[in-house]
Protein backbone atom coordinates (compact mmCIF):
# COMPACT_ATOMS: atom_id res chain seq x y z
CA MET A 1 22.87 -14.13 -9.06
CA ASN A 2 24.24 -15.53 -12.29
CA ILE A 3 23.47 -14.91 -15.96
CA GLU A 4 21.45 -18.12 -16.29
CA LEU A 5 19.06 -17.01 -13.56
CA VAL A 6 18.52 -13.64 -15.23
CA HIS A 7 18.15 -15.39 -18.59
CA ASP A 8 15.45 -17.70 -17.23
CA ALA A 9 13.68 -14.87 -15.42
CA LEU A 10 13.52 -12.78 -18.60
CA LEU A 11 12.20 -15.75 -20.54
CA TRP A 12 9.42 -16.37 -18.03
CA CYS A 13 8.60 -12.65 -17.83
CA THR A 14 8.22 -12.61 -21.61
CA VAL A 15 5.97 -15.67 -21.59
CA ILE A 16 3.78 -14.34 -18.76
CA ASN A 17 3.50 -10.88 -20.29
CA TYR A 18 2.53 -12.29 -23.69
CA GLY A 19 -0.06 -14.44 -21.93
CA LEU A 20 -1.54 -11.34 -20.29
CA LEU A 21 -1.51 -9.51 -23.62
CA LEU A 22 -3.26 -12.44 -25.30
CA PHE A 23 -5.85 -12.58 -22.50
CA TRP A 24 -6.47 -8.83 -22.85
CA ALA A 25 -6.87 -9.12 -26.62
CA LEU A 26 -9.20 -12.12 -26.38
CA LEU A 27 -11.27 -10.43 -23.69
CA PHE A 28 -11.47 -7.29 -25.79
CA ILE A 29 -12.55 -9.26 -28.88
CA THR A 30 -15.05 -11.58 -27.22
CA ALA A 31 -16.52 -9.29 -24.56
CA HIS A 32 -16.26 -5.92 -26.30
CA ASP A 33 -19.81 -4.76 -25.52
CA TRP A 34 -19.63 -5.89 -21.90
CA LEU A 35 -16.31 -4.05 -21.41
CA LEU A 36 -17.76 -0.94 -23.03
CA ARG A 37 -20.76 -1.01 -20.69
CA LEU A 38 -18.51 -1.65 -17.67
CA HIS A 39 -16.18 1.24 -18.49
CA GLY A 40 -19.12 3.37 -19.58
CA ARG A 41 -20.30 3.47 -15.98
CA TRP A 42 -17.18 5.38 -14.97
CA PHE A 43 -16.19 7.20 -18.16
CA HIS A 44 -18.32 8.62 -20.94
CA LEU A 45 -16.51 7.28 -24.00
CA SER A 46 -17.62 6.77 -27.54
CA ILE A 47 -17.03 3.38 -29.12
CA GLU A 48 -14.26 4.85 -31.27
CA LYS A 49 -12.44 6.32 -28.26
CA PHE A 50 -12.89 3.11 -26.28
CA ASP A 51 -11.43 1.02 -29.11
CA ALA A 52 -8.57 3.48 -29.65
CA ILE A 53 -7.66 3.48 -25.96
CA HIS A 54 -7.57 -0.31 -25.74
CA TYR A 55 -5.73 -0.75 -29.03
CA SER A 56 -3.16 1.88 -27.99
CA GLY A 57 -2.80 0.29 -24.57
CA MET A 58 -2.16 -3.11 -26.11
CA ALA A 59 0.40 -1.60 -28.50
CA ILE A 60 2.24 0.20 -25.70
CA TYR A 61 2.19 -2.96 -23.57
CA LYS A 62 3.61 -4.99 -26.47
CA ILE A 63 6.38 -2.42 -27.01
CA GLY A 64 7.15 -2.62 -23.28
CA ILE A 65 7.44 -6.40 -23.52
CA PHE A 66 9.85 -6.05 -26.43
CA LEU A 67 11.99 -3.40 -24.73
CA PHE A 68 12.13 -4.74 -21.19
CA ASN A 69 11.86 -8.52 -21.61
CA LEU A 70 12.53 -9.80 -25.10
CA VAL A 71 15.46 -7.58 -26.15
CA PRO A 72 17.46 -8.20 -22.93
CA TYR A 73 16.70 -11.93 -23.27
CA ILE A 74 18.04 -11.98 -26.84
CA ALA A 75 21.06 -9.90 -25.79
CA LEU A 76 21.89 -12.44 -23.09
CA LEU A 77 21.54 -15.24 -25.65
CA ILE A 78 24.01 -13.48 -27.94
CA VAL A 79 26.51 -12.69 -25.18
CA GLY A 80 26.24 -16.07 -23.48
């Protein structure tokens, strides 16, 4: 395994993860009421809690993308 392979893998992981984050955000924006009803079957959440949970989840996911995909990718660009 060489540095170029790791470099390419991190790039594609970043792209795929940002695609998933974008899909989650678009689904949350466009189908908010449907998601609330779907999750409301299992959990009794207020709208404020539901929004806070999803917004926090998206923020944590974005931080994870930065820490585990984007920063190592940039570090390999600098070193290589």
